[in-house]
C-alpha cells in the first residue's frame, strides 16, 4: 500500500457533487461505518465545514448545507 493511501476501513465514496459561485458541495459515503458526510468548501470566503446528516436528511443537507450547519 502506498504511503498516504487510505486503508480499507477509511475508504469513502463520492455520491454527489455540485458547485455554484465558488461554493463546492460534496456528499460522501464512508464504507467503514456506513456514515454520510457533506463537505462544503467556499473558495470566495476561504472557509470549509462538514456535517454528518442522518440518512433520511442526506439529500436535503446536500442541497441546503447552510441550513444544517
N, C-alpha and C. Protein backbone atom coordinates (compact mmCIF):
# COMPACT_ATOMS: atom_id res chain seq x y z
N UNK A 1 0.86 -1.18 0.00
CA UNK A 1 0.00 0.00 0.00
C UNK A 1 0.90 1.23 0.00
N UNK A 2 0.60 2.19 -0.84
CA UNK A 2 1.40 3.41 -0.95
C UNK A 2 1.25 4.25 0.31
N UNK A 3 2.31 4.97 0.62
CA UNK A 3 2.26 5.87 1.78
C UNK A 3 1.16 6.90 1.57
N UNK A 4 0.36 7.12 2.57
CA UNK A 4 -0.70 8.12 2.48
C UNK A 4 -1.99 7.58 1.87
N UNK A 5 -1.96 6.38 1.33
CA UNK A 5 -3.18 5.80 0.74
C UNK A 5 -4.13 5.41 1.86
N UNK A 6 -5.42 5.60 1.64
CA UNK A 6 -6.38 5.25 2.69
C UNK A 6 -6.41 3.75 2.92
N UNK A 7 -6.59 3.34 4.16
CA UNK A 7 -6.78 1.94 4.48
C UNK A 7 -8.19 1.55 4.08
N UNK A 8 -8.43 0.28 3.92
CA UNK A 8 -9.75 -0.19 3.53
C UNK A 8 -10.82 0.36 4.46
N UNK A 9 -10.53 0.41 5.76
CA UNK A 9 -11.52 0.88 6.73
C UNK A 9 -11.76 2.38 6.65
N UNK A 10 -10.93 3.11 5.88
CA UNK A 10 -11.07 4.55 5.77
C UNK A 10 -11.62 4.99 4.41
N UNK A 11 -12.03 4.07 3.57
CA UNK A 11 -12.49 4.41 2.23
C UNK A 11 -13.79 5.21 2.28
N UNK A 12 -13.84 6.18 1.38
CA UNK A 12 -15.07 6.94 1.21
C UNK A 12 -15.39 6.98 -0.28
N UNK A 13 -16.65 7.16 -0.60
CA UNK A 13 -17.08 7.22 -1.99
C UNK A 13 -17.91 8.48 -2.18
N UNK A 14 -17.57 9.24 -3.22
CA UNK A 14 -18.34 10.44 -3.53
C UNK A 14 -19.65 10.03 -4.18
N UNK A 15 -20.75 10.50 -3.62
CA UNK A 15 -22.07 10.19 -4.15
C UNK A 15 -22.63 11.32 -4.99
N UNK A 16 -22.27 12.55 -4.65
CA UNK A 16 -22.80 13.70 -5.39
C UNK A 16 -21.85 14.88 -5.23
N UNK A 17 -21.86 15.75 -6.25
CA UNK A 17 -21.02 16.95 -6.23
C UNK A 17 -21.77 18.05 -6.97
N UNK A 18 -21.64 19.27 -6.44
CA UNK A 18 -22.17 20.43 -7.16
C UNK A 18 -21.31 21.63 -6.81
N UNK A 19 -21.34 22.63 -7.69
CA UNK A 19 -20.58 23.87 -7.48
C UNK A 19 -21.38 25.02 -8.04
N UNK A 20 -21.38 26.12 -7.31
CA UNK A 20 -22.04 27.34 -7.76
C UNK A 20 -21.35 28.53 -7.12
N UNK A 21 -20.90 29.45 -7.96
CA UNK A 21 -20.27 30.69 -7.49
C UNK A 21 -19.14 30.45 -6.49
N UNK A 22 -18.34 29.43 -6.74
CA UNK A 22 -17.19 29.16 -5.88
C UNK A 22 -17.49 28.37 -4.63
N UNK A 23 -18.74 27.93 -4.46
CA UNK A 23 -19.09 27.08 -3.32
C UNK A 23 -19.24 25.65 -3.83
N UNK A 24 -18.38 24.77 -3.33
CA UNK A 24 -18.37 23.36 -3.72
C UNK A 24 -19.04 22.56 -2.61
N UNK A 25 -19.97 21.69 -2.99
CA UNK A 25 -20.68 20.85 -2.02
C UNK A 25 -20.54 19.40 -2.48
N UNK A 26 -20.07 18.55 -1.56
CA UNK A 26 -19.85 17.15 -1.87
C UNK A 26 -20.54 16.27 -0.84
N UNK A 27 -21.14 15.19 -1.31
CA UNK A 27 -21.76 14.20 -0.44
C UNK A 27 -20.96 12.92 -0.55
N UNK A 28 -20.47 12.43 0.59
CA UNK A 28 -19.66 11.22 0.63
C UNK A 28 -20.32 10.16 1.50
N UNK A 29 -20.03 8.90 1.16
CA UNK A 29 -20.43 7.75 1.96
C UNK A 29 -19.17 7.09 2.49
N UNK A 30 -19.13 6.87 3.82
CA UNK A 30 -18.00 6.19 4.45
C UNK A 30 -18.31 4.70 4.55
N UNK A 31 -17.47 3.91 3.90
CA UNK A 31 -17.67 2.46 3.89
C UNK A 31 -17.54 1.86 5.29
N UNK A 32 -16.58 2.32 6.06
CA UNK A 32 -16.26 1.71 7.35
C UNK A 32 -17.44 1.69 8.32
N UNK A 33 -18.18 2.79 8.38
CA UNK A 33 -19.29 2.87 9.35
C UNK A 33 -20.63 3.15 8.69
N UNK A 34 -20.66 3.12 7.35
CA UNK A 34 -21.89 3.35 6.59
C UNK A 34 -22.46 4.75 6.85
N UNK A 35 -21.57 5.69 7.21
CA UNK A 35 -21.99 7.05 7.51
C UNK A 35 -21.96 7.95 6.29
N UNK A 36 -22.64 9.06 6.37
CA UNK A 36 -22.68 10.06 5.30
C UNK A 36 -22.08 11.36 5.80
N UNK A 37 -21.39 12.05 4.89
CA UNK A 37 -20.75 13.33 5.22
C UNK A 37 -20.99 14.29 4.07
N UNK A 38 -21.38 15.51 4.40
CA UNK A 38 -21.47 16.59 3.43
C UNK A 38 -20.33 17.55 3.75
N UNK A 39 -19.52 17.86 2.73
CA UNK A 39 -18.41 18.79 2.89
C UNK A 39 -18.67 20.00 2.01
N UNK A 40 -18.49 21.18 2.58
CA UNK A 40 -18.70 22.44 1.87
C UNK A 40 -17.40 23.22 1.87
N UNK A 41 -16.95 23.62 0.68
CA UNK A 41 -15.76 24.46 0.52
C UNK A 41 -16.18 25.75 -0.16
N UNK A 42 -15.99 26.86 0.50
CA UNK A 42 -16.33 28.17 -0.07
C UNK A 42 -15.02 28.86 -0.45
N UNK A 43 -14.71 28.84 -1.75
CA UNK A 43 -13.45 29.43 -2.23
C UNK A 43 -13.40 30.93 -2.01
N UNK A 44 -14.50 31.61 -2.18
CA UNK A 44 -14.50 33.07 -2.05
C UNK A 44 -14.25 33.50 -0.61
N UNK A 45 -14.88 32.84 0.34
CA UNK A 45 -14.72 33.20 1.75
C UNK A 45 -13.50 32.52 2.38
N UNK A 46 -12.97 31.49 1.70
CA UNK A 46 -11.84 30.77 2.25
C UNK A 46 -12.21 29.92 3.45
N UNK A 47 -13.43 29.41 3.47
CA UNK A 47 -13.89 28.61 4.61
C UNK A 47 -14.35 27.23 4.14
N UNK A 48 -14.44 26.33 5.08
CA UNK A 48 -14.92 24.98 4.81
C UNK A 48 -15.56 24.43 6.08
N UNK A 49 -16.52 23.53 5.90
CA UNK A 49 -17.11 22.82 7.03
C UNK A 49 -17.68 21.50 6.55
N UNK A 50 -17.92 20.62 7.49
CA UNK A 50 -18.55 19.35 7.16
C UNK A 50 -19.67 19.08 8.16
N UNK A 51 -20.65 18.32 7.70
CA UNK A 51 -21.76 17.90 8.55
C UNK A 51 -22.00 16.42 8.30
N UNK A 52 -22.53 15.74 9.28
CA UNK A 52 -22.85 14.32 9.16
C UNK A 52 -24.35 14.15 9.38
N UNK A 53 -25.12 14.31 8.31
CA UNK A 53 -26.58 14.24 8.45
C UNK A 53 -27.06 12.81 8.68
N UNK A 54 -28.24 12.70 9.24
CA UNK A 54 -28.90 11.40 9.32
C UNK A 54 -29.20 10.95 7.89
N UNK A 55 -29.29 9.65 7.70
CA UNK A 55 -29.50 9.10 6.36
C UNK A 55 -30.72 9.73 5.66
N UNK A 56 -31.81 9.92 6.37
CA UNK A 56 -33.02 10.48 5.77
C UNK A 56 -32.87 11.94 5.39
N UNK A 57 -31.89 12.63 5.96
CA UNK A 57 -31.67 14.05 5.69
C UNK A 57 -30.51 14.32 4.73
N UNK A 58 -29.87 13.28 4.22
CA UNK A 58 -28.63 13.45 3.45
C UNK A 58 -28.83 14.32 2.20
N UNK A 59 -29.85 14.07 1.42
CA UNK A 59 -30.05 14.87 0.20
C UNK A 59 -30.45 16.30 0.53
N UNK A 60 -31.26 16.48 1.54
CA UNK A 60 -31.61 17.85 1.96
C UNK A 60 -30.37 18.59 2.43
N UNK A 61 -29.50 17.91 3.17
CA UNK A 61 -28.26 18.53 3.64
C UNK A 61 -27.33 18.85 2.48
N UNK A 62 -27.31 18.00 1.47
CA UNK A 62 -26.50 18.25 0.27
C UNK A 62 -27.01 19.48 -0.47
N UNK A 63 -28.31 19.60 -0.62
CA UNK A 63 -28.89 20.73 -1.36
C UNK A 63 -28.95 22.02 -0.55
N UNK A 64 -29.02 21.93 0.78
CA UNK A 64 -29.14 23.10 1.65
C UNK A 64 -28.20 22.98 2.85
N UNK A 65 -26.89 22.87 2.61
CA UNK A 65 -25.96 22.59 3.72
C UNK A 65 -25.91 23.68 4.78
N UNK A 66 -26.12 24.93 4.40
CA UNK A 66 -26.04 26.01 5.38
C UNK A 66 -27.19 25.94 6.38
N UNK A 67 -28.30 25.33 6.00
CA UNK A 67 -29.42 25.16 6.93
C UNK A 67 -29.11 24.09 7.98
N UNK A 68 -28.15 23.21 7.69
CA UNK A 68 -27.80 22.13 8.60
C UNK A 68 -26.53 22.43 9.40
N UNK A 69 -25.84 23.51 9.04
CA UNK A 69 -24.55 23.83 9.70
C UNK A 69 -24.75 24.33 11.11
